[in-house]
Structures are given as C-alpha cells and as structure tokens.
Amino acid sequence: MKNYLPTKCFLILMGVLMLSIAVTGQEGYRVTVKINGNSDTALLLTCYYGSKIKLVDTATLVSKGTFVFEGKSQLPGGIYMAVTPDKKKLFEFLIGKNQVFKLETDTVDYAVHMKTKGSDENQVFYDYLKFNELNYQQNKVIMTRLKEVEDSTIRYKELRDQLDSLNKRSIGYKMEVIANHPDLFVSTLFNAMRDVEVPDSVLHGSDSSQAFKYYKRHYWDHFDLSDSSLLRTPLIVNKLDQYFERAVFLHPDSVVVAIDDVISRVRPSYEMVSYLVWHFMSEYQNPKYMGFDNIFVHLVDQYFSKEAIQNTSPSVLTMLTDRVNVIRPLLLGKQAPNLILVDTSGQLRSLYTLRHAYNLVLFWDYDCGICKREIADLEKIYNQKTYDLEIFSVCVNGDLDKWKKSIGDRHMPWINVNGTRSATPDFHDLYDIHGTPVIYLLDQEMKIIAKRISADQIPGLIDNMAQTKK
C-alpha cells in the first residue's frame, strides 16, 4: 500500500496557506448594507470629494432591505454615504483599511440603531455618533433652560458650566479614541477636527502678535494634509478656507507663499497636490481683489507648467498658458504696453510720450451707457486739476465721425485716440479688453498702479500712493 499521508498533509497545508493569503491579502471591497423597513430597489454609494459629492457605486436589491456594494479594487479611504436613488442621504460610514464588512440599521433612526460587523472602524465611529447624540440632546435641554434665566444669576453660571462640561466630555471622548485606535481612519478624522489651542501664556502675553503667530505656526499640526483620505471628508475645504481667512494676510504675495507652503505639506500625495492646485485655481482665476491675478499666473507657472496635474489635458494646459501670457504683462507693477493710435486730427499719438505723475488709459464705447457715466465722473476729476493727471482715451469703435461727435457731446478735454487706427498691436490683446469701460491707472514710468477700476476710486488710489511715497 502506498504511503499517501505526506501528500495529503501537504495538500491540507497548501489549502490553509491559500486561505491565509486570501484573507490577509484580500483585494477589493464588499460592503453589505441591510436597512430594515427600506423599500427601495437600489442604493447608491457616494463619498465626499472636497466640497462636492461623488457617485462611487450602485447596488441593486439582493434580498428584502439588503444591498451589496462590491468591487475588485479597494476604495480610497474617507467618509462614504448610503443614498437613495432620489438622492436622499440615509447615513454615513467610514472606509478604511478593512473593506469587507456589514452594516445593519433601520429607517426609524439610521445612526442610533446601526449595528456593524467586521469593521472596527465603523464600530468606533458609530459608538461616537451615539455618544454624540446623547450629548446633543443634553445640550438642547440646557440651551432651553438658559433662555429662561437672567445672564447675571447663579443659575445661569451653573448652566454655562454644564455646557462647558459637555463640550469637554466630547473632546475627551475623541482624544481617547485617538489614543486607543491610532491606526484607524476615525482617529485621523478626529485629529483633523481639532482646533488650535493657543496657550494662555501666549494668548495673554505682552506681545499680542504672538498669539497670531502661534495659531498660524500650529494650524496644521493635527491635520495630515498628505493623507488623501481627508479629501473624502467635508473637512478639507472648511479647513483651507479658515486658514486663508484667519492666518494669511490679504495680499497676493502672502497668499502665494501660503499656497506654496500648503502644497508642500501634501507631498508626495499626487491626488492631494492636484486637488489643491485646482482648488486654488478656482479661487483665483477670477479674483475678487485687484492684483490677485498674480496668483493665477503663479499657479500656472509653478505647477501646471512644471508637473502633471490631474484633469489637465494638453488643450486645457494650452488654454491656461495662453491666458497667463495675456495677463502677465498686465500685472500690477509691470510697465503698461505702449499704444500708438490716431487722434482726432489724424496724427499718431503714443501713450509713452505722456510725462505726468499719473496717466490714465480709458477704453470706451460711444454706445455704452456705463461709459457715459464714467466719462462724466472722469471729467470732474480732470477739471479739478487736483492731481498731475492726463487721460489717454481709447475709443473702441471704428466710425470716426460718430467718435468725434461723441467726444464733443461728452465734453472730453483730454487726449482722444481711436483704437481701430493703430501702429501697435491690437489693443484688445495688449490690454485684455473684452468689454467697456476699462480703466488702467499708470504712474510716471508707465507702470500699472491699478486696473479695471471705476472713476470714483481714482482720487483715493492717488491719495494713498502719495501717502506711501512720503
């Protein structure tokens, strides 16, 4: 009789080894969701992506109230949501390292009645949500009682102390989770939610600026910008907005330094770099404040032109580069492009021949109602002779007779030229003109002081310039 025992043992051993590999090296995800009382035939899986919501997967009904989300590749970590086909969010849950688990709840209270199986991540998360719900209900009761008592009473102080105690309890709960579960994404999430705590010694010190410096220096201490899982939470956009509102001076140079610092903190995460570059692009491609187009130029020069950024096709890159090449010569502090145009006498007049302390370039249309009002305001400023100011007025229309008549009708006593009769390149391209009126204010050296301003802003701008020169 042949000895088959070693072979049988070997096969059993291989089976155990294969099972071990299958369990420990499992790829993909499988999230089973059971919602008692739910009558939908499908369920959507979505996640946060910055300020947006992204569709990830769709599951059809497996059995009554049960759905399975399944895929061959693992999902990136973050906060995900179960959503009905009519886009109603039912509940949130976390995706971390272990992506094979079950969630069971009901339609009475999705969070409070949630049961998890196979996911420490979501067990800890839902334990916190249940704790937080109790805290919230207690908070509501105290807030109602506060409205019924006078501010200066002992009872009011007692109630305020109870609120503080609830807040400290909530913070303590999250800190305990962070300490006990450092490897879970829920701890990353709770850390990211922490505010900067400025020490009393700094807050009440003799140098008031130290509190601001401390706040800025420690702002990102607990928010791991290199963890792309935080992209799939609602925290990232609020955290960025708060930083640029509270910790960055409202000046383009300061904003550029802050942007570069934040992006350096997310490396080597390619996804986070790409997200942030596009986030800042959306903020500054049409800036709210004059001079902040410098940030748009910086983003294209420093990032889009030097490295691969997600969702940037060759045509998009060309469009961005072309736009920057138009804007770059028109940044504040740059010498304005020269214009050599025909005046009302038929002679060529050069912008660069002006020798005044302040030189204003006006682009206007004789059929434009707003232009008419701006010209009236400019006339008042010009005739007051308060400033050493000359106006180089460029009409965008080609009908010379109508142009000259409009000059007389509007009482325009300055240099008037026609943009359609030019010895220099098209003014539309040189000065990025797509509508009227447009005003550029230049100094004696033809450097751009201000642009795309209204006439009533001019006195204040010139007065401020005069003050800074003293």
Protein backbone atom coordinates (compact mmCIF):
# COMPACT_ATOMS: atom_id res chain seq x y z
CA MET A 1 0.00 0.00 0.00
CA LYS A 2 1.32 3.39 -0.98
CA ASN A 3 2.01 5.99 1.68
CA TYR A 4 -0.30 8.88 0.71
CA LEU A 5 -0.26 10.67 4.12
CA PRO A 6 2.57 13.15 3.34
CA THR A 7 0.83 14.16 0.12
CA LYS A 8 -2.49 14.63 1.94
CA CYS A 9 -0.82 16.73 4.66
CA PHE A 10 0.90 18.81 2.01
CA LEU A 11 -2.43 19.48 0.28
CA ILE A 12 -4.07 20.46 3.58
CA LEU A 13 -1.14 22.75 4.37
CA MET A 14 -1.38 24.38 0.95
CA GLY A 15 -5.12 24.84 1.45
CA VAL A 16 -4.57 26.58 4.77
CA LEU A 17 -1.84 28.72 3.25
CA MET A 18 -4.07 29.69 0.31
CA LEU A 19 -6.89 30.58 2.72
CA SER A 20 -4.49 32.67 4.76
CA ILE A 21 -3.35 34.55 1.66
CA ALA A 22 -6.95 35.07 0.58
CA VAL A 23 -7.89 36.52 3.97
CA THR A 24 -4.84 38.67 4.65
CA GLY A 25 -4.17 39.85 1.12
CA GLN A 26 -7.76 40.42 0.09
CA GLU A 27 -8.25 42.92 -2.72
CA GLY A 28 -11.37 44.91 -3.50
CA TYR A 29 -14.29 45.81 -1.29
CA ARG A 30 -17.57 44.25 -0.23
CA VAL A 31 -19.92 46.31 1.90
CA THR A 32 -23.23 44.67 2.77
CA VAL A 33 -25.93 47.09 3.86
CA LYS A 34 -29.21 45.93 5.43
CA ILE A 35 -31.88 48.55 6.13
CA ASN A 36 -34.95 47.18 7.84
CA GLY A 37 -38.07 48.98 6.66
CA ASN A 38 -36.46 50.21 3.43
CA SER A 39 -38.49 49.65 0.26
CA ASP A 40 -36.01 50.89 -2.35
CA THR A 41 -34.83 48.53 -5.08
CA ALA A 42 -31.43 50.18 -5.40
CA LEU A 43 -28.93 52.06 -3.22
CA LEU A 44 -26.19 54.49 -4.21
CA LEU A 45 -22.73 54.68 -2.70
CA THR A 46 -21.33 58.20 -2.67
CA CYS A 47 -18.47 59.99 -0.97
CA TYR A 48 -17.37 63.50 -0.23
CA TYR A 49 -14.77 64.99 -2.55
CA GLY A 50 -13.83 68.38 -1.19
CA SER A 51 -16.99 70.47 -1.36
CA LYS A 52 -18.67 68.08 -3.82
CA ILE A 53 -20.39 64.70 -3.58
CA LYS A 54 -19.10 61.96 -5.87
CA LEU A 55 -21.01 58.87 -7.05
CA VAL A 56 -18.93 55.74 -6.42
CA ASP A 57 -21.14 52.67 -6.91
CA THR A 58 -24.71 51.42 -7.26
CA ALA A 59 -26.15 48.31 -5.62
CA THR A 60 -29.37 46.57 -6.52
CA LEU A 61 -31.60 44.74 -4.03
CA VAL A 62 -30.20 41.32 -3.03
CA SER A 63 -32.98 40.44 -0.60
CA LYS A 64 -35.50 42.42 1.41
CA GLY A 65 -33.75 45.61 2.53
CA THR A 66 -30.29 44.21 1.73
CA PHE A 67 -27.79 45.65 -0.74
CA VAL A 68 -24.19 44.76 -1.54
CA PHE A 69 -21.59 47.20 -2.81
CA GLU A 70 -18.73 45.24 -4.33
CA GLY A 71 -15.66 45.93 -6.45
CA LYS A 72 -12.35 44.36 -7.42
CA SER A 73 -10.18 47.32 -6.37
CA GLN A 74 -10.10 48.82 -2.90
CA LEU A 75 -11.82 52.15 -2.37
CA PRO A 76 -9.78 55.14 -1.24
CA GLY A 77 -10.39 55.92 2.42
CA GLY A 78 -12.85 58.54 3.58
CA ILE A 79 -16.43 59.23 4.61
CA TYR A 80 -18.94 57.47 2.36
CA MET A 81 -22.72 57.71 2.26
CA ALA A 82 -25.62 55.39 1.53
CA VAL A 83 -28.01 57.37 -0.66
CA THR A 84 -31.42 56.56 -2.14
CA PRO A 85 -31.97 56.68 -5.92
CA ASP A 86 -33.78 60.02 -5.43
CA LYS A 87 -30.57 61.37 -3.81
CA LYS A 88 -31.65 61.35 -0.17
CA LYS A 89 -28.73 60.68 2.18
CA LEU A 90 -29.54 57.90 4.65
CA PHE A 91 -26.33 57.62 6.67
CA GLU A 92 -22.56 57.99 6.56
CA PHE A 93 -19.91 55.37 7.25
CA LEU A 94 -16.14 55.10 7.03
CA ILE A 95 -13.95 53.29 4.55
CA GLY A 96 -10.56 52.40 5.99
CA LYS A 97 -8.13 49.54 5.51
CA ASN A 98 -10.65 46.70 6.07
CA GLN A 99 -13.23 46.97 3.31
CA VAL A 100 -15.24 43.79 3.82
CA PHE A 101 -17.93 44.38 6.43
CA LYS A 102 -21.66 44.58 7.10
CA LEU A 103 -23.89 47.41 8.30
CA GLU A 104 -27.42 46.87 9.59
CA THR A 105 -29.90 49.54 10.69
CA ASP A 106 -33.50 50.62 10.22
CA THR A 107 -35.46 53.56 8.90
CA VAL A 108 -36.52 54.69 12.40
CA ASP A 109 -33.06 56.02 13.32
CA TYR A 110 -30.20 55.12 11.00
CA ALA A 111 -27.36 56.18 13.32
CA VAL A 112 -28.68 55.16 16.75
CA HIS A 113 -29.85 51.72 15.56
CA MET A 114 -26.74 50.98 13.47
CA LYS A 115 -25.02 47.60 14.01
CA THR A 116 -21.65 46.86 12.44
CA LYS A 117 -19.94 43.55 11.76
CA GLY A 118 -16.34 43.12 10.61
CA SER A 119 -15.39 46.79 10.86
CA ASP A 120 -13.66 48.18 13.93
CA GLU A 121 -13.55 51.46 12.03
CA ASN A 122 -17.32 51.81 11.88
CA GLN A 123 -17.92 50.33 15.32
CA VAL A 124 -15.81 53.08 16.87
CA PHE A 125 -17.37 55.70 14.56
CA TYR A 126 -20.94 54.76 15.43
CA ASP A 127 -20.19 54.45 19.13
CA TYR A 128 -19.07 58.05 18.92
CA LEU A 129 -22.17 59.12 16.94
CA LYS A 130 -24.42 57.54 19.56
CA PHE A 131 -22.48 59.22 22.36
CA ASN A 132 -22.64 62.49 20.47
CA GLU A 133 -26.41 62.20 20.04
CA LEU A 134 -26.85 61.88 23.82
CA ASN A 135 -24.57 64.88 24.31
CA TYR A 136 -26.59 66.85 21.77
CA GLN A 137 -29.89 66.11 23.48
CA GLN A 138 -28.48 67.22 26.83
CA ASN A 139 -27.09 70.35 25.19
CA LYS A 140 -30.55 71.20 23.80
CA VAL A 141 -32.14 70.93 27.23
CA ILE A 142 -29.52 73.20 28.80
CA MET A 143 -29.82 75.77 26.00
CA THR A 144 -33.60 75.90 26.51
CA ARG A 145 -33.11 76.49 30.24
CA LEU A 146 -30.54 79.21 29.59
CA LYS A 147 -33.13 81.24 27.69
CA GLU A 148 -35.34 81.22 30.78
CA VAL A 149 -32.84 82.74 33.24
CA GLU A 150 -31.08 86.10 33.57
CA ASP A 151 -27.45 86.33 32.46
CA SER A 152 -26.10 87.50 35.82
CA THR A 153 -27.74 84.84 38.02
CA ILE A 154 -26.03 81.92 39.74
CA ARG A 155 -28.31 79.55 37.85
CA TYR A 156 -27.10 80.98 34.53
CA LYS A 157 -23.48 80.33 35.53
CA GLU A 158 -24.33 76.77 36.58
CA LEU A 159 -25.94 76.09 33.20
CA ARG A 160 -22.95 77.58 31.36
CA ASP A 161 -20.66 75.32 33.39
CA GLN A 162 -22.78 72.32 32.37
CA LEU A 163 -22.37 73.29 28.69
CA ASP A 164 -18.61 73.57 29.15
CA SER A 165 -18.60 70.17 30.82
CA LEU A 166 -20.45 68.62 27.87
CA ASN A 167 -18.00 70.17 25.43
CA LYS A 168 -15.01 68.88 27.42
CA ARG A 169 -16.59 65.43 27.59
CA SER A 170 -16.97 65.38 23.80
CA ILE A 171 -13.36 66.47 23.28
CA GLY A 172 -12.18 63.91 25.84
CA TYR A 173 -14.09 61.12 24.09
CA LYS A 174 -12.42 61.91 20.75
CA MET A 175 -8.98 62.17 22.36
CA GLU A 176 -9.50 58.75 23.94
CA VAL A 177 -10.38 57.27 20.53
CA ILE A 178 -7.22 58.81 19.04
CA ALA A 179 -5.10 57.32 21.85
CA ASN A 180 -6.70 53.86 21.73
CA HIS A 181 -7.06 53.45 17.95
CA PRO A 182 -4.13 55.29 16.32
CA ASP A 183 -4.20 53.10 13.19
CA LEU A 184 -7.86 53.69 12.33
CA PHE A 185 -9.03 56.38 9.90
CA VAL A 186 -11.56 57.54 12.50
CA SER A 187 -8.58 58.75 14.58
CA THR A 188 -7.21 60.64 11.57
CA LEU A 189 -10.67 62.17 11.21
CA PHE A 190 -10.92 63.21 14.88
CA ASN A 191 -7.41 64.63 14.80
CA ALA A 192 -8.29 66.70 11.75
CA MET A 193 -11.26 68.15 13.64
CA ARG A 194 -9.09 69.54 16.44
CA ASP A 195 -8.75 73.30 16.78
CA VAL A 196 -5.51 75.11 17.55
CA GLU A 197 -5.26 75.66 21.31
CA VAL A 198 -3.22 78.78 21.97
CA PRO A 199 -1.68 78.59 25.48
CA ASP A 200 -2.91 81.21 27.94
CA SER A 201 0.67 82.42 28.43
CA VAL A 202 0.80 83.28 24.71
CA LEU A 203 -2.81 84.45 24.43
CA HIS A 204 -2.48 86.93 27.28
CA GLY A 205 1.18 87.83 26.80
CA SER A 206 2.54 91.34 26.35
CA ASP A 207 3.05 90.86 22.58
CA SER A 208 -0.40 90.49 21.01
CA SER A 209 1.10 89.34 17.71
CA GLN A 210 2.48 86.17 19.30
CA ALA A 211 -0.99 84.61 19.55
CA PHE A 212 -1.50 85.05 15.79
CA LYS A 213 1.97 83.66 15.03
CA TYR A 214 1.37 80.65 17.29
CA TYR A 215 -2.02 80.00 15.70
CA LYS A 216 -0.56 80.09 12.21
CA ARG A 217 2.52 78.02 13.09
CA HIS A 218 0.45 75.24 14.66
CA TYR A 219 -2.59 75.38 12.38
CA TRP A 220 -1.80 72.13 10.53
CA ASP A 221 -0.35 70.21 13.50
CA HIS A 222 -3.18 67.67 13.66
CA PHE A 223 -4.41 67.79 10.08
CA ASP A 224 -2.37 65.40 7.94
CA LEU A 225 -2.52 67.12 4.55
CA SER A 226 -0.61 64.26 2.92
CA ASP A 227 -3.44 61.82 3.73
CA SER A 228 -5.69 61.88 0.66
CA SER A 229 -8.46 60.16 2.66
CA LEU A 230 -9.24 63.59 4.10
CA LEU A 231 -10.25 64.68 0.58
CA ARG A 232 -13.25 62.43 1.03
CA THR A 233 -14.48 64.33 4.07
CA PRO A 234 -16.23 67.70 4.39
CA LEU A 235 -13.30 68.97 6.49
CA ILE A 236 -10.68 69.87 3.87
CA VAL A 237 -12.42 72.84 2.23
CA ASN A 238 -13.50 74.40 5.53
CA LYS A 239 -10.01 73.95 6.94
CA LEU A 240 -8.42 75.62 3.91
CA ASP A 241 -10.92 78.49 3.85
CA GLN A 242 -10.45 79.15 7.55
CA TYR A 243 -6.65 79.16 7.18
CA PHE A 244 -6.63 81.70 4.36
CA GLU A 245 -9.23 83.87 6.13
CA ARG A 246 -7.64 83.86 9.59
CA ALA A 247 -3.95 83.15 9.17
CA VAL A 248 -2.92 84.70 5.83
CA PHE A 249 -2.68 88.42 5.14
CA LEU A 250 -4.90 89.57 2.29
CA HIS A 251 -2.07 90.38 -0.11
CA PRO A 252 -1.18 88.41 -3.26
CA ASP A 253 2.44 87.85 -2.20
CA SER A 254 1.32 86.48 1.18
CA VAL A 255 -1.27 84.25 -0.47
CA VAL A 256 1.31 82.85 -2.92
CA VAL A 257 3.68 81.96 -0.03
CA ALA A 258 0.81 80.30 1.85
CA ILE A 259 -0.29 78.30 -1.21
CA ASP A 260 3.23 77.01 -1.79
CA ASP A 261 3.56 76.06 1.87
CA VAL A 262 0.25 74.17 1.93
CA ILE A 263 1.03 72.29 -1.29
CA SER A 264 4.49 71.35 0.02
CA ARG A 265 2.79 69.75 3.04
CA VAL A 266 0.63 67.40 0.93
CA ARG A 267 3.50 65.86 -0.99
CA PRO A 268 4.09 63.14 -2.04
CA SER A 269 0.32 62.65 -2.48
CA TYR A 270 -0.24 63.25 -6.19
CA GLU A 271 -4.01 63.29 -5.69
CA MET A 272 -3.80 65.95 -2.97
CA VAL A 273 -1.40 68.12 -4.98
CA SER A 274 -3.74 68.00 -7.97
CA TYR A 275 -6.80 68.72 -5.87
CA LEU A 276 -5.22 71.72 -4.14
CA VAL A 277 -3.84 73.22 -7.34
CA TRP A 278 -7.31 73.07 -8.92
CA HIS A 279 -8.91 74.31 -5.70
CA PHE A 280 -6.71 77.40 -5.67
CA MET A 281 -7.20 77.86 -9.40
CA SER A 282 -10.98 78.01 -8.89
CA GLU A 283 -10.45 80.60 -6.15
CA TYR A 284 -8.14 82.90 -8.10
CA GLN A 285 -8.84 82.51 -11.83
CA ASN A 286 -11.42 85.30 -11.45
CA PRO A 287 -10.08 87.06 -8.34
CA LYS A 288 -12.25 89.27 -6.16
CA TYR A 289 -9.44 91.71 -5.47
CA MET A 290 -7.25 93.77 -7.79
CA GLY A 291 -3.74 92.39 -8.15
CA PHE A 292 -4.68 88.83 -7.19
CA ASP A 293 -4.38 87.68 -10.81
CA ASN A 294 -0.71 87.33 -9.88
CA ILE A 295 -1.76 84.16 -8.01
CA PHE A 296 -3.34 82.70 -11.15
CA VAL A 297 -0.08 83.33 -13.04
CA HIS A 298 1.94 81.71 -10.22
CA LEU A 299 -0.23 78.58 -10.22
CA VAL A 300 0.22 78.06 -13.94
CA ASP A 301 3.95 78.84 -13.92
CA GLN A 302 4.82 76.87 -10.79
CA TYR A 303 2.52 73.86 -11.04
CA PHE A 304 0.63 73.31 -14.30
CA SER A 305 3.70 74.06 -16.43
CA LYS A 306 6.13 72.01 -14.34
CA GLU A 307 4.31 68.82 -13.33
CA ALA A 308 1.41 66.61 -14.31
CA ILE A 309 -1.81 67.77 -12.63
CA GLN A 310 -4.89 65.55 -12.75
CA ASN A 311 -7.63 66.54 -15.22
CA THR A 312 -5.25 68.75 -17.20
CA SER A 313 -5.41 67.74 -20.84
CA PRO A 314 -2.99 69.26 -23.39
CA SER A 315 -5.78 71.56 -24.60
CA VAL A 316 -6.52 72.74 -21.03
CA LEU A 317 -2.83 73.37 -20.42
CA THR A 318 -2.58 75.36 -23.65
CA MET A 319 -5.62 77.43 -22.66
CA LEU A 320 -4.13 78.18 -19.23
CA THR A 321 -0.74 79.06 -20.69
CA ASP A 322 -2.27 81.34 -23.31
CA ARG A 323 -4.30 83.11 -20.65
CA VAL A 324 -1.24 83.65 -18.47
CA ASN A 325 0.68 85.10 -21.41
CA VAL A 326 -2.07 87.72 -21.76
CA ILE A 327 -2.23 88.53 -18.06
CA ARG A 328 1.50 88.52 -17.26
CA PRO A 329 2.37 91.85 -18.96
CA LEU A 330 -0.61 93.48 -17.21
CA LEU A 331 0.23 92.58 -13.61
CA LEU A 332 0.46 95.43 -11.13
CA GLY A 333 3.94 96.98 -11.21
CA LYS A 334 4.58 95.99 -14.84
CA GLN A 335 5.16 98.64 -17.48
CA ALA A 336 1.96 99.02 -19.47
CA PRO A 337 2.18 98.15 -23.19
CA ASN A 338 2.61 101.16 -25.46
CA LEU A 339 -0.26 102.28 -27.65
CA ILE A 340 0.33 104.35 -30.80
CA LEU A 341 -3.07 105.37 -32.12
CA VAL A 342 -4.60 108.02 -34.37
CA ASP A 343 -6.01 111.10 -32.61
CA THR A 344 -8.86 113.36 -33.74
CA SER A 345 -6.54 115.34 -36.02
CA GLY A 346 -5.37 112.22 -37.83
CA GLN A 347 -1.95 112.19 -36.16
CA LEU A 348 -0.41 109.20 -34.39
CA ARG A 349 -0.17 109.68 -30.60
CA SER A 350 1.95 107.47 -28.36
CA LEU A 351 0.98 106.68 -24.81
CA TYR A 352 4.65 106.70 -23.85
CA THR A 353 5.00 110.41 -24.70
CA LEU A 354 2.92 111.33 -21.63
CA ARG A 355 5.03 112.81 -18.82
CA HIS A 356 2.61 113.19 -15.95
CA ALA A 357 2.75 111.84 -12.40
CA TYR A 358 -0.37 109.82 -13.16
CA ASN A 359 -1.58 108.62 -16.55
CA LEU A 360 -4.96 107.07 -17.08
CA VAL A 361 -5.87 104.84 -20.02
CA LEU A 362 -9.61 104.66 -20.68
CA PHE A 363 -11.18 102.19 -23.12
CA TRP A 364 -14.73 103.24 -24.01
CA ASP A 365 -17.57 102.66 -26.45
CA TYR A 366 -19.76 105.54 -27.68
CA ASP A 367 -22.84 103.30 -27.44
CA CYS A 368 -22.12 102.25 -23.84
CA GLY A 369 -24.31 103.81 -21.13
CA ILE A 370 -21.91 102.96 -18.30
CA CYS A 371 -19.07 104.56 -20.28
CA LYS A 372 -21.08 107.78 -20.46
CA ARG A 373 -21.41 107.91 -16.66
CA GLU A 374 -17.76 107.07 -16.09
CA ILE A 375 -16.64 109.76 -18.54
CA ALA A 376 -18.77 112.34 -16.67
CA ASP A 377 -17.08 111.36 -13.39
CA LEU A 378 -13.65 111.48 -15.02
CA GLU A 379 -14.37 114.94 -16.41
CA LYS A 380 -14.99 116.26 -12.88
CA ILE A 381 -11.73 114.80 -11.58
CA TYR A 382 -9.78 116.01 -14.61
CA ASN A 383 -11.13 119.57 -14.49
CA GLN A 384 -10.46 119.96 -10.77
CA LYS A 385 -6.71 119.81 -11.54
CA THR A 386 -6.07 118.37 -8.07
CA TYR A 387 -3.63 115.83 -9.49
CA ASP A 388 -0.98 115.86 -12.18
CA LEU A 389 -3.14 113.56 -14.28
CA GLU A 390 -3.51 113.00 -18.00
CA ILE A 391 -6.07 110.79 -19.70
CA PHE A 392 -5.37 108.73 -22.80
CA SER A 393 -8.87 107.90 -24.01
CA VAL A 394 -9.16 104.98 -26.44
CA CYS A 395 -12.44 104.61 -28.34
CA VAL A 396 -13.11 101.02 -29.41
CA ASN A 397 -15.50 101.94 -32.27
CA GLY A 398 -14.48 102.32 -35.90
CA ASP A 399 -16.91 105.04 -37.07
CA LEU A 400 -14.63 108.11 -36.88
CA ASP A 401 -17.35 110.69 -37.45
CA LYS A 402 -19.55 109.28 -34.73
CA TRP A 403 -16.50 109.01 -32.45
CA LYS A 404 -15.61 112.68 -32.89
CA LYS A 405 -19.22 113.77 -32.35
CA SER A 406 -19.37 111.70 -29.13
CA ILE A 407 -16.21 113.42 -27.85
CA GLY A 408 -17.89 116.80 -28.26
CA ASP A 409 -21.18 115.66 -26.78
CA ARG A 410 -19.45 114.21 -23.70
CA HIS A 411 -17.00 117.12 -23.18
CA MET A 412 -13.81 115.06 -23.19
CA PRO A 413 -10.95 117.59 -22.89
CA TRP A 414 -8.08 115.11 -22.75
CA ILE A 415 -6.15 113.09 -25.34
CA ASN A 416 -8.61 111.17 -27.53
CA VAL A 417 -7.42 108.40 -29.84
CA ASN A 418 -9.15 105.68 -31.83
CA GLY A 419 -8.28 102.05 -31.12
CA THR A 420 -9.14 100.89 -34.62
CA ARG A 421 -6.40 103.04 -36.21
CA SER A 422 -3.20 101.71 -34.72
CA ALA A 423 0.55 101.43 -35.31
CA THR A 424 0.83 98.96 -32.42
CA PRO A 425 -0.74 95.51 -31.99
CA ASP A 426 -4.47 95.20 -31.34
CA PHE A 427 -5.37 96.92 -28.05
CA HIS A 428 -7.82 94.11 -27.25
CA ASP A 429 -4.88 91.71 -26.96
CA LEU A 430 -2.44 94.16 -25.38
CA TYR A 431 -4.81 95.22 -22.59
CA ASP A 432 -7.13 92.19 -22.38
CA ILE A 433 -10.18 94.22 -23.41
CA HIS A 434 -13.42 92.23 -23.73
CA GLY A 435 -15.88 94.94 -22.70
CA THR A 436 -16.11 98.59 -21.75
CA PRO A 437 -15.44 100.74 -19.85
CA VAL A 438 -11.98 99.64 -18.69
CA ILE A 439 -9.61 101.97 -16.84
CA TYR A 440 -5.90 101.50 -16.17
CA LEU A 441 -4.02 103.90 -13.89
CA LEU A 442 -0.29 104.28 -14.57
CA ASP A 443 2.50 106.15 -12.83
CA GLN A 444 5.06 108.47 -14.41
CA GLU A 445 7.12 105.49 -15.61
CA MET A 446 4.05 103.91 -17.19
CA LYS A 447 3.95 101.18 -14.55
CA ILE A 448 0.49 99.86 -13.74
CA ILE A 449 -0.75 101.14 -10.37
CA ALA A 450 -4.34 99.98 -10.69
CA LYS A 451 -6.58 98.42 -13.30
CA ARG A 452 -10.22 97.71 -14.06
CA ILE A 453 -11.30 100.38 -11.59
CA SER A 454 -14.14 102.89 -11.59
CA ALA A 455 -13.64 106.64 -11.87
CA ASP A 456 -14.73 107.28 -8.29
CA GLN A 457 -11.87 105.08 -7.00
CA ILE A 458 -9.18 107.20 -8.63
CA PRO A 459 -8.84 110.02 -6.04
CA GLY A 460 -8.48 107.54 -3.18
CA LEU A 461 -5.89 105.48 -5.06
CA ILE A 462 -3.79 108.54 -5.93
CA ASP A 463 -4.03 109.89 -2.37
CA ASN A 464 -2.88 106.54 -0.98
CA MET A 465 0.01 106.44 -3.45
CA ALA A 466 1.04 109.93 -2.36
CA GLN A 467 0.97 108.87 1.30
CA THR A 468 3.17 105.82 0.70
CA LYS A 469 5.77 107.98 -1.07
CA LYS A 470 6.17 110.27 1.95
